[in-house]
Amino acid sequence: MEMQKEQRAVQVHTGGGGDAVYGIGMFGAWVYYFTRATTTQERVKAFFKGLVWPAFLVHELFVFLEVASRPAPPPVPPPVPQPVRRQRRSSSAKKPAAG
């Protein structure tokens, strides 16, 4: 008897287009930063800024929305446990008479 291998169809899932958007944005960022660069040092910075342009975009968006400039709220302190008070018997209270 011969053993036959089952052949399965292989499904390949590719990206949903985010890579293309990032690539176009990277080239756009390079054009933006390189046109403003005047020295070699600025051109080197422009190259790396073009690679991480989404970080700059998100930071500027937060500054625009004033999220990054707002201070964090102070932490809420934990509640302080209150001591348990027991009621004391009054020494002036009369005891019942034995009789």
N, C-alpha and C. Protein backbone atom coordinates (compact mmCIF):
# COMPACT_ATOMS: atom_id res chain seq x y z
N MET A 1 0.82 -1.18 0.00
CA MET A 1 0.00 0.00 0.00
C MET A 1 0.87 1.25 0.00
N GLU A 2 0.42 2.19 -0.75
CA GLU A 2 1.14 3.44 -0.80
C GLU A 2 0.46 4.47 0.10
N MET A 3 1.27 5.18 0.81
CA MET A 3 0.73 6.24 1.66
C MET A 3 0.67 7.52 0.85
N GLN A 4 -0.48 8.08 0.81
CA GLN A 4 -0.64 9.32 0.07
C GLN A 4 -0.71 10.48 1.06
N LYS A 5 0.00 11.52 0.75
CA LYS A 5 -0.02 12.71 1.59
C LYS A 5 -1.20 13.58 1.17
N GLU A 6 -1.83 14.09 2.18
CA GLU A 6 -2.93 15.01 1.90
C GLU A 6 -2.34 16.37 1.56
N GLN A 7 -2.83 16.95 0.54
CA GLN A 7 -2.37 18.28 0.17
C GLN A 7 -3.41 19.29 0.63
N ARG A 8 -2.90 20.27 1.32
CA ARG A 8 -3.79 21.32 1.81
C ARG A 8 -3.48 22.61 1.06
N ALA A 9 -4.51 23.38 0.87
CA ALA A 9 -4.32 24.68 0.23
C ALA A 9 -3.72 25.63 1.25
N VAL A 10 -2.67 26.31 0.87
CA VAL A 10 -2.02 27.26 1.75
C VAL A 10 -2.57 28.65 1.48
N GLN A 11 -3.02 29.29 2.54
CA GLN A 11 -3.54 30.64 2.40
C GLN A 11 -2.50 31.62 2.90
N VAL A 12 -2.19 32.59 2.09
CA VAL A 12 -1.22 33.61 2.46
C VAL A 12 -1.98 34.91 2.68
N HIS A 13 -1.83 35.44 3.87
CA HIS A 13 -2.48 36.71 4.20
C HIS A 13 -1.42 37.81 4.15
N THR A 14 -1.73 38.85 3.43
CA THR A 14 -0.79 39.96 3.34
C THR A 14 -1.33 41.15 4.11
N GLY A 15 -0.48 42.16 4.25
CA GLY A 15 -0.87 43.36 4.98
C GLY A 15 -2.06 44.05 4.34
N GLY A 16 -2.72 44.85 5.13
CA GLY A 16 -3.92 45.51 4.65
C GLY A 16 -3.68 46.86 4.02
N GLY A 17 -2.46 47.18 3.64
CA GLY A 17 -2.19 48.46 3.01
C GLY A 17 -1.48 49.43 3.91
N GLY A 18 -1.27 49.07 5.15
CA GLY A 18 -0.58 49.96 6.08
C GLY A 18 0.86 50.19 5.69
N ASP A 19 1.48 49.19 5.09
CA ASP A 19 2.87 49.34 4.65
C ASP A 19 2.98 50.39 3.56
N ALA A 20 2.01 50.40 2.66
CA ALA A 20 2.04 51.38 1.57
C ALA A 20 1.85 52.79 2.11
N VAL A 21 0.95 52.96 3.06
CA VAL A 21 0.71 54.28 3.65
C VAL A 21 1.97 54.75 4.37
N TYR A 22 2.60 53.85 5.12
CA TYR A 22 3.83 54.21 5.83
C TYR A 22 4.92 54.59 4.82
N GLY A 23 5.04 53.83 3.73
CA GLY A 23 6.07 54.12 2.73
C GLY A 23 5.86 55.46 2.06
N ILE A 24 4.63 55.76 1.69
CA ILE A 24 4.34 57.06 1.08
C ILE A 24 4.61 58.18 2.07
N GLY A 25 4.22 57.96 3.31
CA GLY A 25 4.48 58.96 4.34
C GLY A 25 5.96 59.16 4.59
N MET A 26 6.73 58.06 4.51
CA MET A 26 8.17 58.15 4.70
C MET A 26 8.80 59.01 3.60
N PHE A 27 8.41 58.77 2.36
CA PHE A 27 8.95 59.58 1.27
C PHE A 27 8.51 61.04 1.40
N GLY A 28 7.29 61.25 1.80
CA GLY A 28 6.82 62.62 2.02
C GLY A 28 7.59 63.32 3.13
N ALA A 29 7.86 62.58 4.21
CA ALA A 29 8.63 63.16 5.31
C ALA A 29 10.06 63.47 4.87
N TRP A 30 10.64 62.59 4.06
CA TRP A 30 11.99 62.85 3.56
C TRP A 30 12.02 64.10 2.70
N VAL A 31 11.03 64.26 1.83
CA VAL A 31 10.97 65.47 1.01
C VAL A 31 10.85 66.70 1.90
N TYR A 32 9.98 66.62 2.89
CA TYR A 32 9.76 67.75 3.80
C TYR A 32 11.05 68.10 4.55
N TYR A 33 11.68 67.10 5.17
CA TYR A 33 12.86 67.38 5.98
C TYR A 33 14.09 67.71 5.13
N PHE A 34 14.27 67.05 3.98
CA PHE A 34 15.44 67.32 3.15
C PHE A 34 15.39 68.70 2.51
N THR A 35 14.21 69.19 2.16
CA THR A 35 14.13 70.52 1.56
C THR A 35 14.47 71.61 2.57
N ARG A 36 14.32 71.33 3.85
CA ARG A 36 14.63 72.32 4.89
C ARG A 36 16.05 72.17 5.43
N ALA A 37 16.71 71.08 5.10
CA ALA A 37 18.08 70.84 5.59
C ALA A 37 19.07 71.63 4.76
N THR A 38 20.01 72.28 5.46
CA THR A 38 21.03 73.07 4.76
C THR A 38 22.43 72.51 4.98
N THR A 39 22.64 71.76 6.05
CA THR A 39 23.96 71.20 6.33
C THR A 39 23.91 69.69 6.23
N THR A 40 25.08 69.09 6.23
CA THR A 40 25.16 67.63 6.17
C THR A 40 24.55 67.01 7.42
N GLN A 41 24.80 67.63 8.56
CA GLN A 41 24.24 67.12 9.81
C GLN A 41 22.71 67.15 9.77
N GLU A 42 22.14 68.20 9.24
CA GLU A 42 20.68 68.28 9.13
C GLU A 42 20.13 67.25 8.15
N ARG A 43 20.89 66.93 7.11
CA ARG A 43 20.45 65.91 6.15
C ARG A 43 20.46 64.53 6.78
N VAL A 44 21.45 64.26 7.61
CA VAL A 44 21.48 62.97 8.33
C VAL A 44 20.29 62.88 9.27
N LYS A 45 20.02 63.97 9.99
CA LYS A 45 18.85 63.99 10.88
C LYS A 45 17.56 63.82 10.07
N ALA A 46 17.51 64.43 8.89
CA ALA A 46 16.33 64.33 8.04
C ALA A 46 16.07 62.90 7.63
N PHE A 47 17.13 62.15 7.35
CA PHE A 47 16.97 60.75 6.98
C PHE A 47 16.31 59.96 8.11
N PHE A 48 16.82 60.12 9.34
CA PHE A 48 16.27 59.37 10.46
C PHE A 48 14.89 59.86 10.87
N LYS A 49 14.66 61.17 10.75
CA LYS A 49 13.32 61.69 11.04
C LYS A 49 12.30 61.13 10.06
N GLY A 50 12.73 60.93 8.83
CA GLY A 50 11.83 60.35 7.83
C GLY A 50 11.45 58.92 8.16
N LEU A 51 12.33 58.20 8.84
CA LEU A 51 12.01 56.82 9.22
C LEU A 51 11.00 56.75 10.36
N VAL A 52 11.07 57.71 11.28
CA VAL A 52 10.20 57.66 12.47
C VAL A 52 9.15 58.78 12.45
N TRP A 53 8.74 59.19 11.26
CA TRP A 53 7.78 60.29 11.15
C TRP A 53 6.47 60.06 11.89
N PRO A 54 5.95 58.82 12.05
CA PRO A 54 4.69 58.69 12.79
C PRO A 54 4.80 59.16 14.24
N ALA A 55 5.97 58.99 14.85
CA ALA A 55 6.14 59.46 16.23
C ALA A 55 6.01 60.98 16.30
N PHE A 56 6.60 61.68 15.34
CA PHE A 56 6.47 63.14 15.31
C PHE A 56 5.03 63.55 15.04
N LEU A 57 4.37 62.82 14.17
CA LEU A 57 2.98 63.13 13.85
C LEU A 57 2.09 62.98 15.08
N VAL A 58 2.24 61.90 15.80
CA VAL A 58 1.42 61.66 16.99
C VAL A 58 1.75 62.68 18.08
N HIS A 59 3.03 63.01 18.24
CA HIS A 59 3.41 64.00 19.25
C HIS A 59 2.78 65.36 18.93
N GLU A 60 2.88 65.78 17.68
CA GLU A 60 2.29 67.07 17.31
C GLU A 60 0.77 67.05 17.44
N LEU A 61 0.16 65.91 17.18
CA LEU A 61 -1.29 65.80 17.37
C LEU A 61 -1.65 65.95 18.84
N PHE A 62 -0.88 65.33 19.71
CA PHE A 62 -1.13 65.47 21.15
C PHE A 62 -0.90 66.90 21.63
N VAL A 63 0.12 67.55 21.11
CA VAL A 63 0.35 68.94 21.48
C VAL A 63 -0.82 69.80 21.00
N PHE A 64 -1.29 69.52 19.80
CA PHE A 64 -2.44 70.27 19.28
C PHE A 64 -3.67 70.06 20.15
N LEU A 65 -3.87 68.85 20.57
CA LEU A 65 -5.04 68.54 21.41
C LEU A 65 -4.80 68.85 22.88
N GLU A 66 -3.61 69.32 23.20
CA GLU A 66 -3.20 69.68 24.54
C GLU A 66 -3.20 68.51 25.50
N VAL A 67 -3.00 67.33 24.99
CA VAL A 67 -2.94 66.15 25.85
C VAL A 67 -1.56 66.03 26.46
N ALA A 68 -0.53 66.31 25.67
CA ALA A 68 0.84 66.14 26.15
C ALA A 68 1.22 67.24 27.12
N SER A 69 0.59 68.40 27.07
CA SER A 69 0.98 69.50 27.94
C SER A 69 0.25 69.50 29.28
N ARG A 70 -0.80 68.73 29.39
CA ARG A 70 -1.53 68.67 30.66
C ARG A 70 -0.76 67.85 31.68
N PRO A 71 -0.62 68.35 32.90
CA PRO A 71 0.05 67.53 33.91
C PRO A 71 -0.84 66.37 34.33
N ALA A 72 -0.21 65.33 34.74
CA ALA A 72 -0.96 64.16 35.20
C ALA A 72 -1.66 64.51 36.51
N PRO A 73 -2.84 63.97 36.73
CA PRO A 73 -3.53 64.26 38.00
C PRO A 73 -2.75 63.64 39.15
N PRO A 74 -2.82 64.25 40.33
CA PRO A 74 -2.10 63.69 41.47
C PRO A 74 -2.69 62.34 41.86
N PRO A 75 -1.86 61.46 42.38
CA PRO A 75 -2.39 60.15 42.77
C PRO A 75 -3.32 60.29 43.97
N VAL A 76 -4.32 59.45 44.00
CA VAL A 76 -5.29 59.46 45.09
C VAL A 76 -4.70 58.65 46.24
N PRO A 77 -4.57 59.26 47.43
CA PRO A 77 -4.01 58.50 48.55
C PRO A 77 -4.99 57.42 49.01
N PRO A 78 -4.47 56.33 49.53
CA PRO A 78 -5.37 55.29 50.01
C PRO A 78 -6.12 55.78 51.25
N PRO A 79 -7.31 55.27 51.48
CA PRO A 79 -8.07 55.72 52.65
C PRO A 79 -7.36 55.31 53.95
N VAL A 80 -7.43 56.22 54.92
CA VAL A 80 -6.81 55.96 56.22
C VAL A 80 -7.83 55.21 57.08
N PRO A 81 -7.44 54.05 57.60
CA PRO A 81 -8.40 53.32 58.44
C PRO A 81 -8.68 54.08 59.73
N GLN A 82 -9.93 54.15 60.07
CA GLN A 82 -10.33 54.84 61.29
C GLN A 82 -10.31 53.86 62.46
N PRO A 83 -9.84 54.30 63.64
CA PRO A 83 -9.82 53.39 64.78
C PRO A 83 -11.25 53.05 65.22
N VAL A 84 -11.41 51.86 65.70
CA VAL A 84 -12.72 51.42 66.17
C VAL A 84 -12.89 51.91 67.60
N ARG A 85 -13.97 52.65 67.84
CA ARG A 85 -14.22 53.17 69.18
C ARG A 85 -15.26 52.29 69.86
N ARG A 86 -14.91 51.88 71.04
CA ARG A 86 -15.86 51.09 71.82
C ARG A 86 -16.55 52.00 72.82
N GLN A 87 -17.80 51.76 73.03
CA GLN A 87 -18.53 52.58 73.99
C GLN A 87 -18.20 52.09 75.39
N ARG A 88 -17.86 53.02 76.24
CA ARG A 88 -17.54 52.67 77.62
C ARG A 88 -18.78 52.84 78.48
N ARG A 89 -18.82 52.03 79.51
CA ARG A 89 -19.92 52.20 80.48
C ARG A 89 -19.62 53.40 81.33
N SER A 90 -20.61 54.11 81.59
CA SER A 90 -20.44 55.29 82.43
C SER A 90 -20.29 54.84 83.87
N SER A 91 -19.30 55.38 84.57
CA SER A 91 -19.10 55.01 85.98
C SER A 91 -20.17 55.62 86.87
N SER A 92 -20.85 56.64 86.39
CA SER A 92 -21.89 57.26 87.20
C SER A 92 -23.23 56.52 87.09
N ALA A 93 -23.29 55.56 86.17
CA ALA A 93 -24.55 54.81 86.03
C ALA A 93 -24.72 53.90 87.24
N LYS A 94 -25.91 53.87 87.75
CA LYS A 94 -26.17 53.05 88.93
C LYS A 94 -26.39 51.62 88.55
N LYS A 95 -25.83 50.77 89.36
CA LYS A 95 -26.01 49.35 89.16
C LYS A 95 -27.34 48.96 89.79
N PRO A 96 -28.02 47.99 89.22
CA PRO A 96 -29.31 47.58 89.82
C PRO A 96 -29.08 46.97 91.21
N ALA A 97 -29.96 47.28 92.07
CA ALA A 97 -29.86 46.82 93.47
C ALA A 97 -30.21 45.36 93.56
N ALA A 98 -29.44 44.65 94.35
CA ALA A 98 -29.70 43.22 94.55
C ALA A 98 -30.76 43.08 95.63
N GLY A 99 -31.70 42.33 95.44
CA GLY A 99 -32.66 42.30 96.49
C GLY A 99 -33.49 41.19 96.65
